[in-house]
N, C-alpha and C. Protein backbone atom coordinates (compact mmCIF):
# COMPACT_ATOMS: atom_id res chain seq x y z
N MET A 1 -12.09 -4.08 9.99
CA MET A 1 -10.90 -3.93 10.78
C MET A 1 -9.76 -3.33 9.96
N TYR A 2 -9.68 -3.69 8.70
CA TYR A 2 -8.58 -3.21 7.87
C TYR A 2 -8.78 -1.77 7.42
N ARG A 3 -10.02 -1.38 7.25
CA ARG A 3 -10.28 -0.04 6.72
C ARG A 3 -9.78 1.08 7.62
N PRO A 4 -10.01 1.04 8.94
CA PRO A 4 -9.51 2.14 9.78
C PRO A 4 -7.99 2.25 9.76
N ILE A 5 -7.29 1.13 9.72
CA ILE A 5 -5.84 1.17 9.69
C ILE A 5 -5.35 1.74 8.36
N ARG A 6 -5.94 1.28 7.27
CA ARG A 6 -5.57 1.81 5.96
C ARG A 6 -5.88 3.29 5.86
N LEU A 7 -7.05 3.68 6.37
CA LEU A 7 -7.43 5.09 6.34
C LEU A 7 -6.43 5.93 7.14
N PHE A 8 -6.02 5.44 8.30
CA PHE A 8 -5.05 6.16 9.12
C PHE A 8 -3.75 6.36 8.36
N TRP A 9 -3.20 5.30 7.76
CA TRP A 9 -1.92 5.43 7.07
C TRP A 9 -2.04 6.28 5.81
N ASN A 10 -3.17 6.19 5.11
CA ASN A 10 -3.36 7.04 3.94
C ASN A 10 -3.45 8.51 4.34
N LEU A 11 -4.17 8.80 5.41
CA LEU A 11 -4.25 10.19 5.88
C LEU A 11 -2.90 10.68 6.41
N ALA A 12 -2.13 9.78 7.02
CA ALA A 12 -0.79 10.15 7.48
C ALA A 12 0.11 10.48 6.29
N ALA A 13 -0.02 9.72 5.21
CA ALA A 13 0.78 10.00 4.00
C ALA A 13 0.39 11.34 3.40
N ILE A 14 -0.89 11.63 3.34
CA ILE A 14 -1.35 12.91 2.81
C ILE A 14 -0.89 14.06 3.70
N GLY A 15 -1.02 13.86 5.01
CA GLY A 15 -0.58 14.90 5.95
C GLY A 15 0.91 15.14 5.88
N GLY A 16 1.69 14.07 5.77
CA GLY A 16 3.14 14.23 5.65
C GLY A 16 3.53 14.95 4.38
N ALA A 17 2.90 14.57 3.26
CA ALA A 17 3.21 15.24 2.00
C ALA A 17 2.79 16.71 2.03
N THR A 18 1.68 17.00 2.69
CA THR A 18 1.24 18.39 2.82
C THR A 18 2.21 19.20 3.67
N ALA A 19 2.66 18.62 4.77
CA ALA A 19 3.61 19.32 5.63
C ALA A 19 4.92 19.58 4.90
N VAL A 20 5.41 18.60 4.15
CA VAL A 20 6.64 18.79 3.39
C VAL A 20 6.43 19.85 2.31
N GLY A 21 5.26 19.82 1.67
CA GLY A 21 4.97 20.81 0.63
C GLY A 21 4.91 22.22 1.16
N VAL A 22 4.33 22.39 2.33
CA VAL A 22 4.22 23.73 2.92
C VAL A 22 5.59 24.25 3.35
N THR A 23 6.42 23.36 3.88
CA THR A 23 7.71 23.82 4.40
C THR A 23 8.78 23.95 3.33
N THR A 24 8.79 23.08 2.33
CA THR A 24 9.90 23.10 1.37
C THR A 24 9.54 23.67 0.00
N HIS A 25 8.30 23.54 -0.41
CA HIS A 25 7.85 23.97 -1.75
C HIS A 25 8.61 23.25 -2.87
N ASP A 26 9.05 22.03 -2.61
CA ASP A 26 9.79 21.24 -3.59
C ASP A 26 8.92 20.08 -4.06
N PRO A 27 8.47 20.08 -5.32
CA PRO A 27 7.58 19.03 -5.79
C PRO A 27 8.19 17.63 -5.71
N GLY A 28 9.48 17.51 -5.90
CA GLY A 28 10.12 16.20 -5.82
C GLY A 28 10.03 15.60 -4.43
N LEU A 29 10.26 16.40 -3.42
CA LEU A 29 10.16 15.91 -2.04
C LEU A 29 8.72 15.57 -1.67
N ILE A 30 7.77 16.32 -2.21
CA ILE A 30 6.36 16.04 -1.94
C ILE A 30 5.99 14.66 -2.48
N VAL A 31 6.40 14.37 -3.71
CA VAL A 31 6.09 13.08 -4.33
C VAL A 31 6.76 11.94 -3.58
N VAL A 32 8.03 12.11 -3.25
CA VAL A 32 8.76 11.06 -2.53
C VAL A 32 8.12 10.82 -1.16
N THR A 33 7.74 11.88 -0.47
CA THR A 33 7.12 11.73 0.84
C THR A 33 5.77 11.04 0.74
N PHE A 34 4.97 11.41 -0.25
CA PHE A 34 3.65 10.81 -0.42
C PHE A 34 3.75 9.33 -0.76
N LEU A 35 4.57 8.99 -1.74
CA LEU A 35 4.71 7.58 -2.13
C LEU A 35 5.35 6.76 -1.01
N GLY A 36 6.33 7.34 -0.33
CA GLY A 36 6.93 6.64 0.80
C GLY A 36 5.93 6.43 1.92
N GLY A 37 5.08 7.42 2.15
CA GLY A 37 4.06 7.28 3.18
C GLY A 37 3.02 6.23 2.86
N LEU A 38 2.79 5.98 1.58
CA LEU A 38 1.86 4.93 1.20
C LEU A 38 2.50 3.55 1.22
N LEU A 39 3.77 3.46 0.83
CA LEU A 39 4.40 2.15 0.67
C LEU A 39 5.08 1.63 1.94
N VAL A 40 5.75 2.49 2.67
CA VAL A 40 6.56 2.03 3.81
C VAL A 40 5.74 1.31 4.88
N PRO A 41 4.57 1.81 5.30
CA PRO A 41 3.82 1.05 6.31
C PRO A 41 3.43 -0.35 5.84
N ARG A 42 3.14 -0.49 4.56
CA ARG A 42 2.77 -1.81 4.03
C ARG A 42 3.99 -2.72 3.95
N LEU A 43 5.13 -2.16 3.58
CA LEU A 43 6.34 -2.97 3.51
C LEU A 43 6.82 -3.41 4.88
N LEU A 44 6.60 -2.58 5.90
CA LEU A 44 7.02 -2.91 7.25
C LEU A 44 6.00 -3.77 7.99
N GLY A 45 4.85 -4.00 7.37
CA GLY A 45 3.82 -4.82 8.00
C GLY A 45 2.96 -4.07 8.98
N LEU A 46 2.99 -2.75 8.96
CA LEU A 46 2.18 -1.95 9.87
C LEU A 46 0.74 -1.83 9.40
N SER A 47 0.52 -2.06 8.12
CA SER A 47 -0.82 -2.03 7.55
C SER A 47 -1.13 -3.43 7.02
N PRO A 48 -2.06 -4.13 7.63
CA PRO A 48 -2.31 -5.52 7.22
C PRO A 48 -2.91 -5.61 5.83
N ARG A 49 -2.65 -6.71 5.19
CA ARG A 49 -3.23 -6.97 3.88
C ARG A 49 -4.62 -7.54 4.11
N GLY A 50 -5.60 -6.84 3.64
CA GLY A 50 -6.97 -7.29 3.85
C GLY A 50 -7.55 -7.89 2.59
N PRO A 51 -8.83 -8.16 2.59
CA PRO A 51 -9.48 -8.68 1.40
C PRO A 51 -9.37 -7.69 0.26
N GLY A 52 -9.13 -8.21 -0.91
CA GLY A 52 -9.00 -7.36 -2.08
C GLY A 52 -7.57 -6.97 -2.39
N MET A 53 -6.67 -7.22 -1.46
CA MET A 53 -5.26 -6.93 -1.71
C MET A 53 -4.65 -8.12 -2.43
N MET A 54 -3.45 -7.95 -2.93
CA MET A 54 -2.79 -9.04 -3.62
C MET A 54 -2.53 -10.19 -2.65
N ALA A 55 -2.78 -11.38 -3.08
CA ALA A 55 -2.69 -12.55 -2.20
C ALA A 55 -1.32 -13.21 -2.36
N TRP A 56 -0.27 -12.56 -1.91
CA TRP A 56 1.06 -13.15 -1.99
C TRP A 56 1.18 -14.28 -1.00
N GLY A 57 1.62 -15.42 -1.47
CA GLY A 57 1.83 -16.55 -0.60
C GLY A 57 0.57 -17.28 -0.18
N ARG A 58 -0.55 -16.92 -0.77
CA ARG A 58 -1.80 -17.59 -0.41
C ARG A 58 -2.43 -18.28 -1.62
N GLY A 59 -1.63 -18.59 -2.62
CA GLY A 59 -2.17 -19.29 -3.78
C GLY A 59 -3.01 -18.42 -4.69
N GLY A 60 -2.74 -17.14 -4.74
CA GLY A 60 -3.55 -16.24 -5.55
C GLY A 60 -3.21 -16.28 -7.03
N CYS A 61 -2.12 -16.88 -7.37
CA CYS A 61 -1.68 -16.91 -8.77
C CYS A 61 -2.17 -18.20 -9.43
N ARG A 62 -2.92 -18.07 -10.48
CA ARG A 62 -3.44 -19.24 -11.19
C ARG A 62 -2.50 -19.70 -12.30
N ALA A 63 -1.43 -18.97 -12.55
CA ALA A 63 -0.52 -19.32 -13.64
C ALA A 63 0.25 -20.61 -13.34
N HIS A 64 0.42 -20.95 -12.08
CA HIS A 64 1.19 -22.13 -11.72
C HIS A 64 0.31 -23.25 -11.21
N ALA A 65 -0.94 -23.28 -11.66
CA ALA A 65 -1.85 -24.32 -11.22
C ALA A 65 -1.45 -25.65 -11.83
N ALA A 66 -1.89 -26.70 -11.18
CA ALA A 66 -1.56 -28.04 -11.66
C ALA A 66 -2.23 -28.28 -13.01
N PRO A 67 -1.60 -29.07 -13.87
CA PRO A 67 -2.20 -29.36 -15.17
C PRO A 67 -3.54 -30.06 -15.01
N GLY A 68 -4.48 -29.70 -15.85
CA GLY A 68 -5.78 -30.32 -15.80
C GLY A 68 -6.79 -29.60 -14.92
N THR A 69 -6.35 -28.59 -14.19
CA THR A 69 -7.29 -27.85 -13.34
C THR A 69 -7.95 -26.77 -14.16
N THR A 70 -9.12 -26.43 -13.78
CA THR A 70 -9.86 -25.39 -14.50
C THR A 70 -9.68 -24.06 -13.80
N GLU A 71 -9.68 -23.02 -14.60
CA GLU A 71 -9.56 -21.68 -14.03
C GLU A 71 -10.94 -21.19 -13.66
N ILE A 72 -10.97 -20.36 -12.68
CA ILE A 72 -12.24 -19.80 -12.21
C ILE A 72 -12.56 -18.56 -13.01
């Protein structure tokens, strides 16, 4: 379920950066458009966090485990 959504947003980022590159020929705008296209959907929650993504808020960090617990 997560792969088609991620694929869509990744292709949209590539397409947006390509369109900006063809129209402006400015490398700085191409980079900003590409990185923004990758990050903004995730920050807005349009691309769900699936398995393998960082587990924020789900206990993914072992650094704050209770004393005496073993690490996996």
